Amino acid sequence: MTATTTTDRMTTGHAPAATRVPVRALLRTSLLATVFAAAATEAFTALVRAAGVHLAVGDPGGSASSVVPVGPGACTVALAMVMVLGTGLAVSINRWSTHPARAYTRVTSVLVLASLSAPLTAAATTTVTKLTLGAAHLIAAAVIIPLVRRRLVGTR
C-alpha cells in the first residue's frame, strides 16, 4: 500500500482510493458489530430485570412525568439509531484521516463518555437504572469500537 502524502491530500482532499477500506466492508463490519452489541446489551439488561430491577428512565433534565419503562428491545433500537451515525462517522474518518483506526478510536471514546451523561442525568430515575444504562453504553462500546477499529487498522 502507498502512504498518503501531503501532496495527495492537498490535491484530492482525501486519501488515495487504493488505501481506503471499501465502504461495503465498513458497512458490513458496522452491522455485525451492532448485532453483537445489541445481543450483549439485551442479555445484560435481561439479567438485571431477572434480578428484580424495574428499569425505567426519564428525560435528561426532565420531570417525573417523562419516565418510561426500558423494555426488552430498547437497547437494540437505540443502538440501531446511533450506529447509523456511527457508520457515517467511520466512513468519513476512513476517507479523510491518514490514521483512521486511531482517529476513530479517539473520537468514539469521547462520544461514549459524552453519551453517559444521558442516563446519569435522567430525571426521576433510580440509581440502579442509571448504573445499568451506563454499563449498557460501555458494553456496547466495548463490542463496537474494537471491531470497527480492527477493520480500519493498517489502511494507510
Protein backbone atom coordinates (compact mmCIF):
# COMPACT_ATOMS: atom_id res chain seq x y z
CA MET A 1 0.00 0.00 0.00
CA THR A 2 1.14 3.50 -0.65
CA ALA A 3 1.40 6.11 2.05
CA THR A 4 -0.76 9.19 1.84
CA THR A 5 1.40 12.21 1.25
CA THR A 6 0.66 15.84 1.94
CA THR A 7 0.56 16.42 -1.81
CA ASP A 8 -2.02 13.66 -2.29
CA ARG A 9 -4.22 15.13 0.41
CA MET A 10 -3.86 18.68 -0.89
CA THR A 11 -4.75 17.80 -4.46
CA THR A 12 -7.61 15.37 -3.81
CA GLY A 13 -8.85 16.31 -0.34
CA HIS A 14 -8.72 12.71 0.81
CA ALA A 15 -6.51 9.67 0.94
CA PRO A 16 -5.91 7.73 -2.29
CA ALA A 17 -8.72 5.27 -3.04
CA ALA A 18 -6.37 2.28 -3.12
CA THR A 19 -5.54 2.72 0.57
CA ARG A 20 -9.07 3.09 1.93
CA VAL A 21 -11.17 0.30 3.35
CA PRO A 22 -14.07 -0.30 0.93
CA VAL A 23 -17.27 1.31 2.19
CA ARG A 24 -19.10 -2.01 1.80
CA ALA A 25 -16.62 -3.67 4.19
CA LEU A 26 -17.16 -0.89 6.75
CA LEU A 27 -20.93 -1.23 6.43
CA ARG A 28 -20.72 -4.99 6.93
CA THR A 29 -18.43 -4.62 9.95
CA SER A 30 -20.63 -1.92 11.45
CA LEU A 31 -23.75 -4.04 11.01
CA LEU A 32 -22.10 -7.08 12.55
CA ALA A 33 -20.75 -5.03 15.46
CA THR A 34 -24.21 -3.56 16.06
CA VAL A 35 -25.81 -7.01 16.14
CA PHE A 36 -23.21 -8.29 18.62
CA ALA A 37 -23.52 -5.18 20.79
CA ALA A 38 -27.31 -5.39 20.77
CA ALA A 39 -27.17 -9.04 21.85
CA ALA A 40 -24.73 -8.22 24.64
CA THR A 41 -26.67 -5.22 25.97
CA GLU A 42 -30.02 -7.01 25.74
CA ALA A 43 -28.58 -10.01 27.62
CA PHE A 44 -27.18 -7.68 30.28
CA THR A 45 -30.43 -5.78 30.78
CA ALA A 46 -32.38 -9.07 30.80
CA LEU A 47 -30.15 -10.29 33.64
CA VAL A 48 -30.77 -7.06 35.54
CA ARG A 49 -34.54 -7.43 35.05
CA ALA A 50 -34.35 -11.08 36.10
CA ALA A 51 -32.70 -9.92 39.33
CA GLY A 52 -35.89 -7.98 40.04
CA VAL A 53 -34.85 -4.49 38.94
CA HIS A 54 -37.54 -2.43 37.21
CA LEU A 55 -35.78 -0.34 34.56
CA ALA A 56 -37.45 2.99 33.86
CA VAL A 57 -35.79 6.18 32.71
CA GLY A 58 -36.77 9.82 32.37
CA ASP A 59 -35.58 12.51 30.02
CA PRO A 60 -32.26 14.11 30.96
CA GLY A 61 -33.20 17.20 32.91
CA GLY A 62 -36.90 16.33 32.52
CA SER A 63 -39.62 15.78 35.07
CA ALA A 64 -41.01 12.68 36.75
CA SER A 65 -43.78 12.60 34.14
CA SER A 66 -41.20 11.82 31.43
CA VAL A 67 -40.28 8.43 32.95
CA VAL A 68 -40.89 5.45 30.67
CA PRO A 69 -40.05 1.77 31.16
CA VAL A 70 -36.98 0.38 29.43
CA GLY A 71 -38.38 -2.78 27.92
CA PRO A 72 -36.79 -5.63 26.02
CA GLY A 73 -35.53 -4.40 22.67
CA ALA A 74 -34.93 -0.82 23.81
CA CYS A 75 -31.15 -1.20 23.65
CA THR A 76 -31.37 -2.73 20.19
CA VAL A 77 -33.47 0.13 18.85
CA ALA A 78 -31.17 2.75 20.41
CA LEU A 79 -28.07 1.02 19.03
CA ALA A 80 -29.56 0.79 15.55
CA MET A 81 -30.28 4.52 15.52
CA VAL A 82 -26.88 5.51 16.89
CA MET A 83 -24.96 3.18 14.59
CA VAL A 84 -26.38 4.88 11.52
CA LEU A 85 -24.45 7.95 12.65
CA GLY A 86 -21.52 5.83 13.86
CA THR A 87 -21.19 4.16 10.49
CA GLY A 88 -21.22 7.53 8.77
CA LEU A 89 -18.51 8.65 11.16
CA ALA A 90 -16.37 5.58 10.37
CA VAL A 91 -16.80 6.10 6.62
CA SER A 92 -15.85 9.78 6.94
CA ILE A 93 -12.82 9.06 9.08
CA ASN A 94 -11.75 6.30 6.69
CA ARG A 95 -12.00 8.75 3.80
CA TRP A 96 -10.22 11.76 5.28
CA SER A 97 -7.90 10.56 8.04
CA THR A 98 -4.34 9.43 7.49
CA HIS A 99 -4.63 7.29 10.66
CA PRO A 100 -8.25 6.14 10.59
CA ALA A 101 -8.09 3.48 13.32
CA ARG A 102 -6.52 5.88 15.80
CA ALA A 103 -8.85 8.75 14.85
CA TYR A 104 -11.93 6.51 15.08
CA THR A 105 -10.91 5.21 18.50
CA ARG A 106 -10.30 8.69 19.86
CA VAL A 107 -13.48 10.23 18.51
CA THR A 108 -15.74 7.37 19.54
CA SER A 109 -14.19 7.16 23.00
CA VAL A 110 -15.04 10.82 23.59
CA LEU A 111 -18.56 10.26 22.23
CA VAL A 112 -19.10 7.27 24.53
CA LEU A 113 -18.06 9.32 27.55
CA ALA A 114 -20.43 12.08 26.45
CA SER A 115 -23.24 9.55 25.97
CA LEU A 116 -23.01 8.58 29.63
CA SER A 117 -24.42 11.97 30.58
CA ALA A 118 -27.88 10.99 29.28
CA PRO A 119 -28.59 8.11 31.68
CA LEU A 120 -26.71 9.74 34.53
CA THR A 121 -28.76 12.95 34.35
CA ALA A 122 -32.13 11.31 33.65
CA ALA A 123 -34.96 12.71 35.75
CA ALA A 124 -36.76 10.56 38.35
CA THR A 125 -34.57 7.56 37.54
CA THR A 126 -33.25 5.19 40.18
CA THR A 127 -29.54 4.89 40.75
CA VAL A 128 -29.57 1.21 39.76
CA THR A 129 -31.25 2.09 36.44
CA LYS A 130 -28.73 4.86 35.80
CA LEU A 131 -25.85 2.48 36.51
CA THR A 132 -27.41 -0.27 34.40
CA LEU A 133 -27.90 2.01 31.41
CA GLY A 134 -24.42 3.48 31.82
CA ALA A 135 -22.99 -0.03 31.88
CA ALA A 136 -25.01 -0.90 28.77
CA HIS A 137 -23.40 2.07 26.98
CA LEU A 138 -19.96 0.81 27.97
CA ILE A 139 -20.76 -2.78 26.95
CA ALA A 140 -21.91 -1.61 23.51
CA ALA A 141 -18.78 0.49 23.11
CA ALA A 142 -16.57 -2.40 24.21
CA VAL A 143 -18.03 -4.50 21.41
CA ILE A 144 -18.38 -1.95 18.60
CA ILE A 145 -15.24 0.18 18.85
CA PRO A 146 -12.68 -2.67 18.67
CA LEU A 147 -14.48 -4.42 15.80
CA VAL A 148 -14.71 -1.30 13.65
CA ARG A 149 -11.21 -0.21 14.67
CA ARG A 150 -9.82 -3.57 13.60
CA ARG A 151 -11.35 -3.06 10.15
CA LEU A 152 -9.67 0.35 9.91
CA VAL A 153 -6.21 -0.76 11.13
CA GLY A 154 -3.50 -0.80 8.53
CA THR A 155 -5.44 1.02 5.85
CA ARG A 156 -2.72 3.61 5.35
